[in-house]
Protein backbone atom coordinates (compact mmCIF):
# COMPACT_ATOMS: atom_id res chain seq x y z
CA MET A 1 -0.61 -12.49 -22.52
CA GLU A 2 2.95 -12.85 -23.61
CA PRO A 3 3.31 -15.46 -26.22
CA SER A 4 6.79 -16.24 -27.31
CA SER A 5 8.08 -14.07 -30.17
CA GLY A 6 7.58 -15.31 -33.59
CA SER A 7 10.57 -15.97 -35.82
CA ARG A 8 11.30 -13.63 -38.76
CA ASP A 9 10.02 -16.28 -41.09
CA ALA A 10 6.70 -17.01 -39.13
CA GLY A 11 3.38 -15.19 -39.92
CA PRO A 12 2.08 -14.00 -43.35
CA ALA A 13 4.26 -14.86 -46.31
CA VAL A 14 4.79 -11.25 -47.40
CA PRO A 15 7.75 -8.71 -47.81
CA PRO A 16 8.20 -6.63 -44.61
CA VAL A 17 5.25 -5.65 -42.74
CA ALA A 18 5.28 -2.36 -40.89
CA ALA A 19 3.21 -0.91 -38.09
CA VAL A 20 2.27 2.71 -37.43
CA LEU A 21 0.87 3.52 -33.82
CA PRO A 22 -0.55 6.84 -33.51
CA ALA A 23 0.04 8.04 -29.95
CA GLY A 24 -0.47 11.87 -30.12
CA GLY A 25 -3.58 12.29 -28.24
CA SER A 26 -4.02 14.67 -25.31
CA GLY A 27 -6.28 12.40 -23.37
CA GLU A 28 -9.00 15.09 -22.82
CA ARG A 29 -11.65 12.68 -22.12
CA LEU A 30 -9.63 10.79 -19.72
CA GLY A 31 -8.94 13.84 -17.64
CA GLY A 32 -5.57 14.71 -15.78
CA ALA A 33 -2.44 15.91 -16.86
CA THR A 34 -0.99 12.85 -18.25
CA PRO A 35 -2.00 11.79 -21.73
CA LYS A 36 -3.61 8.38 -21.71
CA GLN A 37 -0.87 6.52 -23.73
CA PHE A 38 1.76 7.44 -21.01
CA CYS A 39 -0.32 6.58 -17.84
CA ALA A 40 1.12 3.73 -15.82
CA VAL A 41 -0.64 0.49 -15.60
CA GLN A 42 1.00 -1.63 -13.20
CA GLY A 43 3.95 0.75 -13.14
CA ARG A 44 4.53 0.73 -16.93
CA PRO A 45 3.14 3.31 -19.49
CA LEU A 46 0.24 2.05 -21.61
CA VAL A 47 1.94 2.70 -24.83
CA SER A 48 4.62 0.39 -23.82
CA TYR A 49 2.40 -2.60 -23.53
CA THR A 50 1.01 -1.85 -27.29
CA VAL A 51 4.54 -1.79 -28.55
CA ARG A 52 5.30 -4.82 -26.91
CA ALA A 53 2.30 -6.53 -28.42
CA MET A 54 3.66 -5.57 -31.80
CA GLU A 55 7.45 -6.42 -31.35
CA ARG A 56 6.87 -9.76 -30.19
CA ILE A 57 5.68 -10.56 -33.54
CA GLY A 58 8.74 -11.31 -35.65
CA TRP A 59 7.48 -10.52 -38.94
CA ILE A 60 6.51 -6.86 -38.23
CA SER A 61 9.96 -5.22 -39.38
CA ASP A 62 9.21 -1.75 -38.10
CA ILE A 63 7.09 0.05 -35.45
CA ILE A 64 6.65 3.63 -35.98
CA VAL A 65 5.17 5.53 -33.02
CA VAL A 66 3.92 8.96 -33.67
CA VAL A 67 3.83 11.25 -30.89
CA SER A 68 3.30 14.76 -30.27
CA PRO A 69 6.48 16.99 -30.44
CA GLU A 70 6.58 17.69 -26.93
CA ASN A 71 6.42 13.94 -26.05
CA VAL A 72 9.09 12.80 -28.39
CA GLU A 73 11.93 12.61 -25.55
CA THR A 74 9.25 10.87 -23.27
CA MET A 75 8.67 8.28 -25.75
CA LYS A 76 12.40 7.65 -26.51
CA SER A 77 12.88 7.08 -22.97
CA ILE A 78 10.15 4.70 -22.69
CA ILE A 79 11.90 2.71 -25.46
CA GLU A 80 15.27 2.95 -23.80
CA LYS A 81 13.93 1.94 -20.33
CA TYR A 82 11.91 -1.05 -21.39
CA GLY A 83 14.35 -2.27 -24.15
CA HIS A 84 12.03 -1.88 -27.09
CA LYS A 85 13.40 -2.90 -30.53
CA ARG A 86 12.47 -2.02 -33.99
CA VAL A 87 10.70 1.40 -32.81
CA THR A 88 11.10 4.67 -34.45
CA VAL A 89 9.66 7.66 -33.07
CA VAL A 90 8.11 10.29 -35.12
CA LYS A 91 6.71 13.68 -34.37
CA GLY A 92 2.87 13.81 -34.92
CA GLY A 93 0.68 16.42 -36.54
CA ILE A 94 -2.22 18.34 -34.97
CA THR A 95 -4.56 15.84 -36.06
CA ARG A 96 -4.95 12.09 -36.02
CA HIS A 97 -4.73 11.79 -39.59
CA ARG A 98 -1.85 14.09 -39.99
CA SER A 99 0.03 12.26 -37.36
CA ILE A 100 -0.64 8.70 -39.37
CA PHE A 101 0.55 10.58 -42.58
CA ASN A 102 3.72 11.65 -40.93
CA GLY A 103 4.16 7.90 -39.66
CA LEU A 104 3.99 6.88 -43.15
CA LYS A 105 6.50 9.54 -44.57
CA VAL A 106 9.30 7.72 -42.77
CA PHE A 107 9.12 4.94 -45.52
CA ALA A 108 9.08 7.60 -48.40
CA GLU A 109 10.37 11.09 -47.44
CA ASN A 110 13.79 11.83 -46.11
CA GLU A 111 12.63 14.87 -43.94
CA PHE A 112 10.75 12.76 -41.73
CA SER A 113 13.68 10.23 -40.57
CA ASP A 114 17.41 10.25 -40.57
CA HIS A 115 17.33 7.65 -43.11
CA LEU A 116 14.59 5.92 -44.88
CA LEU A 117 13.26 2.72 -43.67
CA GLN A 118 12.58 -0.16 -46.10
CA LYS A 119 8.98 0.43 -47.54
CA PRO A 120 6.78 -2.48 -46.56
CA GLU A 121 4.28 -3.99 -49.01
CA VAL A 122 1.73 -3.89 -45.97
CA VAL A 123 1.42 -1.35 -43.28
CA ILE A 124 -0.50 -1.86 -40.09
CA ILE A 125 -2.19 1.22 -38.34
CA HIS A 126 -3.22 0.51 -34.89
CA ASP A 127 -4.00 2.67 -31.77
CA ALA A 128 -1.31 3.06 -29.18
CA VAL A 129 -4.12 2.88 -26.46
CA ARG A 130 -5.38 -0.57 -27.84
CA PRO A 131 -2.80 -2.62 -25.90
CA PHE A 132 -4.50 -6.12 -26.00
CA VAL A 133 -4.27 -6.97 -29.85
CA GLU A 134 -3.11 -10.33 -30.34
CA GLU A 135 -1.09 -11.84 -33.36
CA ASP A 136 -4.19 -13.72 -34.87
CA ILE A 137 -6.06 -10.53 -35.69
CA LEU A 138 -3.15 -8.84 -37.11
CA SER A 139 -2.33 -11.81 -39.21
CA LYS A 140 -5.78 -11.88 -40.50
CA VAL A 141 -5.98 -8.02 -41.54
CA VAL A 142 -2.53 -8.42 -43.22
CA MET A 143 -3.27 -11.40 -45.18
CA ALA A 144 -6.72 -9.89 -46.16
CA ALA A 145 -5.17 -6.73 -47.44
CA LYS A 146 -2.44 -8.58 -49.34
CA GLU A 147 -4.87 -11.31 -50.85
CA HIS A 148 -7.44 -8.94 -52.00
CA GLY A 149 -4.86 -6.49 -53.33
CA ALA A 150 -3.44 -9.39 -55.48
CA SER A 151 -6.58 -10.57 -56.89
CA LEU A 152 -7.36 -9.26 -60.17
CA CYS A 153 -11.15 -9.55 -59.66
CA LEU A 154 -11.17 -7.78 -56.41
CA VAL A 155 -10.25 -4.23 -55.72
CA SER A 156 -9.77 -4.47 -52.03
CA GLN A 157 -6.26 -3.64 -50.74
CA ALA A 158 -7.23 -2.99 -47.53
CA ALA A 159 -8.65 -4.80 -44.40
CA GLY A 160 -9.99 -3.67 -40.72
CA ALA A 161 -11.28 -5.15 -37.67
CA ILE A 162 -15.00 -4.69 -36.83
CA ARG A 163 -17.21 -5.49 -33.64
CA PRO A 164 -20.88 -5.62 -33.55
CA LEU A 165 -22.48 -2.43 -32.17
CA VAL A 166 -23.33 -2.48 -28.49
CA SER A 167 -25.86 0.37 -28.45
CA THR A 168 -28.44 1.66 -31.04
CA VAL A 169 -27.12 4.71 -33.01
CA ILE A 170 -29.70 7.33 -33.43
CA ALA A 171 -29.88 10.73 -35.25
CA SER A 172 -31.39 13.71 -33.66
CA ALA A 173 -33.23 16.73 -35.63
CA ALA A 174 -32.51 20.20 -35.25
CA ASP A 175 -34.86 20.83 -32.29
CA GLY A 176 -33.02 18.10 -30.41
CA CYS A 177 -35.66 15.43 -30.95
CA LEU A 178 -35.12 11.93 -32.27
CA ASP A 179 -34.93 11.91 -36.10
CA HIS A 180 -34.50 8.31 -36.82
CA SER A 181 -32.52 5.39 -35.71
CA LEU A 182 -30.33 2.81 -37.65
CA GLU A 183 -30.93 -0.91 -37.77
CA ARG A 184 -28.46 -2.23 -35.42
CA ALA A 185 -28.01 -5.38 -36.97
CA ARG A 186 -26.68 -3.94 -40.43
CA TYR A 187 -24.05 -1.90 -38.98
CA ARG A 188 -20.74 -2.59 -37.12
CA ALA A 189 -18.33 -0.47 -35.21
CA SER A 190 -14.96 -0.13 -36.89
CA GLU A 191 -11.81 -1.00 -34.59
CA MET A 192 -8.35 -1.39 -35.02
CA PRO A 193 -5.93 -2.85 -36.41
CA GLN A 194 -6.41 -2.03 -40.02
CA ALA A 195 -4.05 -2.87 -42.88
CA PHE A 196 -3.28 -1.58 -46.19
CA LEU A 197 -0.93 -2.08 -49.13
CA PHE A 198 1.37 0.65 -48.35
CA ASP A 199 1.09 2.45 -51.66
CA ILE A 200 -2.47 2.48 -51.52
CA ILE A 201 -2.84 4.12 -48.12
CA TYR A 202 0.04 6.55 -48.80
CA GLU A 203 -1.59 7.61 -52.03
CA ALA A 204 -4.77 8.09 -50.33
CA TYR A 205 -3.12 10.47 -47.74
CA GLN A 206 -1.38 12.34 -50.50
CA GLN A 207 -4.61 13.07 -52.34
CA CYS A 208 -6.86 13.93 -49.23
CA THR A 209 -7.96 17.40 -48.57
CA ASP A 210 -7.04 19.46 -45.56
CA TYR A 211 -10.73 18.96 -44.52
CA ASP A 212 -10.15 15.28 -44.36
CA LEU A 213 -7.00 15.60 -42.53
CA ASP A 214 -8.20 17.81 -39.89
CA TYR A 215 -11.59 16.33 -39.40
CA GLY A 216 -11.65 12.79 -40.60
CA THR A 217 -10.86 9.66 -38.13
CA GLU A 218 -11.44 6.80 -40.37
CA CYS A 219 -8.48 5.46 -42.59
CA LEU A 220 -10.51 2.75 -44.43
CA HIS A 221 -12.82 5.69 -45.46
CA LEU A 222 -9.93 7.48 -46.93
CA ALA A 223 -8.66 4.57 -48.88
CA LEU A 224 -12.20 4.10 -50.34
CA LYS A 225 -12.63 7.71 -51.13
CA TYR A 226 -9.22 8.49 -52.90
CA CYS A 227 -8.48 5.04 -54.09
CA LYS A 228 -11.55 3.21 -54.57
CA THR A 229 -10.59 0.44 -52.29
CA ASN A 230 -13.07 -1.54 -50.70
CA ALA A 231 -11.87 -2.81 -47.56
CA LYS A 232 -12.34 -6.47 -46.41
CA LEU A 233 -13.88 -6.36 -42.85
CA ILE A 234 -12.72 -8.94 -40.50
CA GLU A 235 -14.72 -9.76 -37.29
CA GLY A 236 -12.59 -8.83 -34.34
CA THR A 237 -12.37 -10.09 -30.73
CA ALA A 238 -13.85 -8.49 -27.59
CA ASP A 239 -10.22 -7.45 -26.40
CA LEU A 240 -9.66 -4.82 -29.12
CA TRP A 241 -11.23 -2.05 -27.14
CA LYS A 242 -9.77 1.39 -26.78
CA VAL A 243 -8.62 3.10 -23.66
CA THR A 244 -10.54 6.36 -23.40
CA TYR A 245 -11.83 7.11 -20.06
CA LYS A 246 -10.25 6.83 -16.60
CA ARG A 247 -12.66 3.52 -15.95
CA ASP A 248 -10.89 2.04 -19.06
CA LEU A 249 -7.40 2.29 -17.33
CA TYR A 250 -8.88 0.58 -14.39
CA ALA A 251 -10.26 -2.14 -16.65
CA ALA A 252 -6.91 -2.58 -18.49
CA GLU A 253 -5.02 -3.02 -15.14
CA SER A 254 -7.43 -5.73 -14.07
CA ILE A 255 -6.99 -7.53 -17.33
CA ILE A 256 -3.20 -7.37 -16.95
CA LYS A 257 -3.49 -8.55 -13.36
CA ASP A 258 -5.46 -11.41 -14.42
CA ASN A 259 -3.10 -12.33 -17.22
CA LEU A 260 -0.17 -12.31 -14.91
CA SER A 261 -2.04 -14.61 -12.38
CA GLN A 262 -2.32 -17.52 -14.42
CA GLN A 263 0.70 -19.63 -13.10
CA VAL A 264 2.75 -19.75 -10.03
CA CYS A 265 5.96 -21.69 -9.43
CA VAL A 266 6.35 -23.28 -5.74
CA ILE A 267 9.95 -23.87 -4.66
CA THR A 268 10.85 -26.04 -1.85
CA ASP A 269 13.95 -27.73 -0.33
CA VAL A 270 14.42 -31.29 0.31
CA LYS A 271 13.58 -31.44 3.91
CA GLU A 272 10.90 -33.90 4.54
CA VAL A 273 8.73 -31.39 6.58
CA VAL A 274 9.19 -28.58 3.77
CA ALA A 275 8.51 -30.92 1.20
CA GLN A 276 5.16 -32.10 2.72
CA VAL A 277 3.92 -28.68 3.15
CA GLY A 278 5.19 -27.73 -0.57
CA SER A 279 3.09 -30.80 -1.69
CA LEU A 280 -0.17 -29.74 0.35
CA LEU A 281 0.34 -26.12 -0.90
CA HIS A 282 0.58 -27.44 -4.58
CA GLU A 283 -2.50 -29.51 -4.21
CA SER A 284 -4.42 -26.70 -2.57
CA LEU A 285 -3.30 -23.93 -5.21
CA GLN A 286 -3.84 -26.12 -8.33
CA SER A 287 -7.71 -25.75 -8.31
CA GLN A 288 -7.05 -22.20 -8.72
CA ILE A 289 -4.03 -21.58 -10.91
CA LYS A 290 -1.45 -23.61 -12.80
CA VAL A 291 1.39 -24.77 -10.58
CA GLU A 292 4.93 -25.61 -11.18
CA ALA A 293 6.95 -27.36 -8.52
CA MET A 294 10.78 -27.34 -7.85
CA SER A 295 11.94 -29.29 -4.97
CA ALA A 296 15.73 -28.87 -4.98
CA SER A 297 18.20 -26.06 -4.96
CA LEU A 298 18.05 -23.65 -7.92
CA SER A 299 21.39 -24.19 -8.69
CA LYS A 300 20.92 -27.51 -9.61
CA ASN A 301 17.49 -26.85 -11.36
CA ASP A 302 18.52 -23.74 -13.24
CA SER A 303 17.36 -25.36 -16.63
CA HIS A 304 14.09 -26.25 -15.07
CA LEU A 305 13.67 -22.77 -13.80
CA GLN A 306 14.52 -21.14 -17.22
CA ASN A 307 12.08 -23.28 -18.75
CA ILE A 308 9.41 -22.06 -16.25
CA LEU A 309 10.39 -18.39 -16.98
CA SER A 310 10.20 -18.99 -20.85
CA GLY A 311 6.46 -20.14 -20.06
CA HIS A 312 6.28 -16.59 -18.61
CA CYS A 313 5.52 -17.09 -15.05
CA TYR A 314 5.41 -13.90 -13.00
CA ASN A 315 4.77 -15.55 -9.53
CA PHE A 316 7.08 -17.46 -7.15
CA VAL A 317 6.39 -18.99 -3.72
CA CYS A 318 9.55 -20.19 -1.73
CA VAL A 319 8.93 -22.53 1.22
CA ASN A 320 11.58 -22.75 3.77
CA ASP A 321 11.90 -23.52 7.50
CA LYS A 322 14.69 -20.89 7.96
CA LYS A 323 13.87 -17.90 9.74
CA CYS A 324 14.90 -15.63 7.04
CA ALA A 325 15.80 -17.33 3.67
CA ILE A 326 16.82 -14.26 1.88
CA GLN A 327 20.18 -15.68 0.89
CA GLU A 328 18.62 -18.69 -0.74
CA THR A 329 15.85 -16.31 -2.30
CA GLN A 330 18.59 -14.22 -3.68
CA GLN A 331 19.54 -16.98 -6.31
CA LEU A 332 16.07 -16.94 -7.76
CA VAL A 333 16.22 -13.02 -7.80
CA ASP A 334 19.55 -13.18 -9.78
CA VAL A 335 17.79 -15.58 -12.44
CA LEU A 336 14.86 -13.31 -12.75
CA GLU A 337 16.99 -10.15 -13.26
CA LYS A 338 18.78 -12.09 -16.01
CA SER A 339 15.54 -12.92 -17.53
CA ASN A 340 14.33 -9.48 -17.75
CA ILE A 341 10.96 -10.40 -16.98
CA PRO A 342 10.61 -7.90 -14.16
CA LEU A 343 11.47 -5.12 -16.47
CA LEU A 344 8.18 -5.51 -18.20
CA TYR A 345 5.82 -7.07 -15.67
CA PRO A 346 5.78 -6.86 -11.73
CA VAL A 347 7.00 -10.39 -10.34
CA VAL A 348 5.27 -11.74 -7.03
CA LEU A 349 7.69 -13.36 -4.72
CA ILE A 350 6.16 -14.64 -1.54
CA LEU A 351 8.52 -16.03 1.09
CA VAL A 352 6.66 -18.73 3.12
CA HIS A 353 8.38 -19.62 6.63
CA LEU A 354 7.38 -22.90 8.19
CA ASP A 355 7.39 -22.48 11.61
CA VAL A 356 8.10 -26.02 13.26
CA SER A 357 9.01 -24.73 16.69
CA GLU A 358 7.16 -26.07 19.81
CA ASN A 359 7.18 -22.48 21.22
CA ILE A 360 3.63 -20.82 21.18
CA TYR A 361 5.14 -17.74 20.10
CA PHE A 362 6.21 -16.64 16.59
CA SER A 363 9.91 -18.06 15.74
CA ILE A 364 10.50 -14.78 13.75
CA GLY A 365 11.76 -11.95 15.57
CA MET A 366 11.91 -8.08 14.90
CA GLU A 367 15.51 -8.50 13.51
CA GLU A 368 14.11 -10.83 10.85
CA LEU A 369 11.01 -8.84 10.02
CA THR A 370 13.34 -5.73 9.42
CA ARG A 371 15.48 -7.78 7.38
CA ILE A 372 12.42 -8.99 5.06
CA LYS A 373 11.19 -5.21 4.84
CA LYS A 374 14.58 -4.01 3.65
CA PHE A 375 15.08 -6.82 1.22
CA ALA A 376 11.48 -6.00 -0.15
CA ARG A 377 12.03 -2.28 -0.38
CA GLU A 378 15.34 -3.17 -2.27
CA LEU A 379 13.53 -5.53 -4.91
CA LYS A 380 10.74 -3.00 -5.13
CA LYS A 381 13.14 -0.88 -7.19
CA LYS A 382 13.53 -3.88 -9.70
CA ASN A 383 9.89 -4.48 -9.93
CA ILE A 384 9.82 -7.58 -7.75
CA LEU A 385 7.19 -7.62 -4.98
CA VAL A 386 8.25 -9.44 -1.94
CA TYR A 387 5.69 -10.59 0.75
CA GLY A 388 6.35 -12.73 3.73
CA LEU A 389 3.94 -15.64 4.95
CA LEU A 390 4.00 -17.62 8.03
CA ILE A 391 2.80 -21.19 8.43
CA GLN A 392 2.79 -22.47 11.86
CA TYR A 393 3.26 -26.21 11.79
CA LYS A 394 1.96 -26.92 15.44
CA ASP A 395 -0.61 -29.69 14.95
CA GLN A 396 -0.68 -32.19 12.14
CA LEU A 397 -4.47 -32.49 12.40
CA LEU A 398 -4.77 -28.79 11.59
CA LEU A 399 -1.88 -28.50 8.80
CA GLN A 400 -4.22 -29.10 5.86
CA GLU A 401 -6.52 -26.39 7.25
CA THR A 402 -3.59 -24.03 7.72
CA VAL A 403 -2.21 -24.87 4.17
CA ASN A 404 -5.63 -23.96 2.72
CA SER A 405 -5.55 -20.57 4.27
CA ALA A 406 -1.96 -19.97 3.03
CA ALA A 407 -2.98 -20.72 -0.36
CA ALA A 408 -6.07 -18.21 -0.17
CA LEU A 409 -3.72 -15.50 1.04
CA ILE A 410 -1.10 -16.40 -1.76
CA MET A 411 -4.04 -16.06 -4.41
CA ALA A 412 -4.90 -12.71 -2.90
CA LEU A 413 -1.29 -11.41 -3.14
CA ILE A 414 -0.84 -12.68 -6.55
CA LYS A 415 -4.10 -11.21 -7.93
CA ASP A 416 -4.13 -7.99 -6.14
CA ARG A 417 -0.18 -7.21 -6.52
CA ASN A 418 -0.56 -4.72 -3.90
CA GLN A 419 2.42 -2.56 -3.50
CA GLU A 420 1.43 -1.33 -0.11
CA LEU A 421 1.82 -4.69 1.26
CA ILE A 422 5.43 -5.51 0.31
CA GLY A 423 7.81 -6.55 3.23
CA GLN A 424 4.86 -7.52 5.37
CA LEU A 425 4.56 -10.82 7.33
CA LEU A 426 1.04 -12.30 6.91
CA VAL A 427 0.08 -15.34 8.92
CA ALA A 428 -1.86 -18.07 7.71
């Protein structure tokens, strides 16, 4: 989901590689007033995920996001809010090809940028609504474009990802009846990303007709038609799909939630009874999720916590026998804020209260519940989702069963990330 950023020396051994992300679509097929690239997924615009996928790769020097003129300020505010780097926003044209052409011009024509950016040897073109692109496929198309471009015996100076066709393609006759069908095994679906030697694709756009600019959709075809460039086709992975319809937004959210639910950090204090429950919780959870454990104060384990955060952990469980351990939890919140992780993804923070009293009634009263709700409302503004969970330690024989129930609730909260439940106290 969020691999560590590559260094400037990592990746393809080429001069600067740039990326152009067309993001000027109106989202007509999605429905609704908001273009799909700006629709929120887990509280964050879809385009931000795609930009992040590019900027975490150190060998991509510049990221050009091309948006319709009326959305320039919206895109700039997204860049500022989420701290994106190396990004230039460009006004798009009335069609996809015209927008991509405008994105390329920032490396060649002064009128499209306050200052010319360094011209890359290779440029990646990738849809802003394909947020799950990984470094591996980006590296493959870049290297294929460069290697074939450098070879004297090959004329290929471009490369693009492809996928097998899912459905058979048919052609209809003028009367609406079947004319013929294509042999599916011989054809592939063209996907993104695609990569080109910059001079090749820029020349193709300079030469292409208004008809191509207005009605064309395939960049590889332009390179073939105007520069005689036969693209190298690279088999892509299943996660290169494009968000087009509303159901795709739901699918994207599901994938992001799943990626955020791979690891949890369980934090307990050193008291024997709390440590015991923390250990049982660790055992119950580890069959479903990777578990990191901390069993001392945060101040003494700050480096340990930093290591966990660097591994991109987005879920934390704090086990305590205090009625309302907000003060202790605040230390974790401070560390999370410094890490900037909640800026990009919603973090789940589950406060587990261990009730060891002999009283048959709950040891948490209305005052403590009110404090938890207020604490949760404040942290929601920082993209930290706080939930309460009560474990009653009344019977040692039933403790394992109670902990298993707590683990099931924890996994449900982590996977669902339901913002309507923040501040609520659940009982295991």
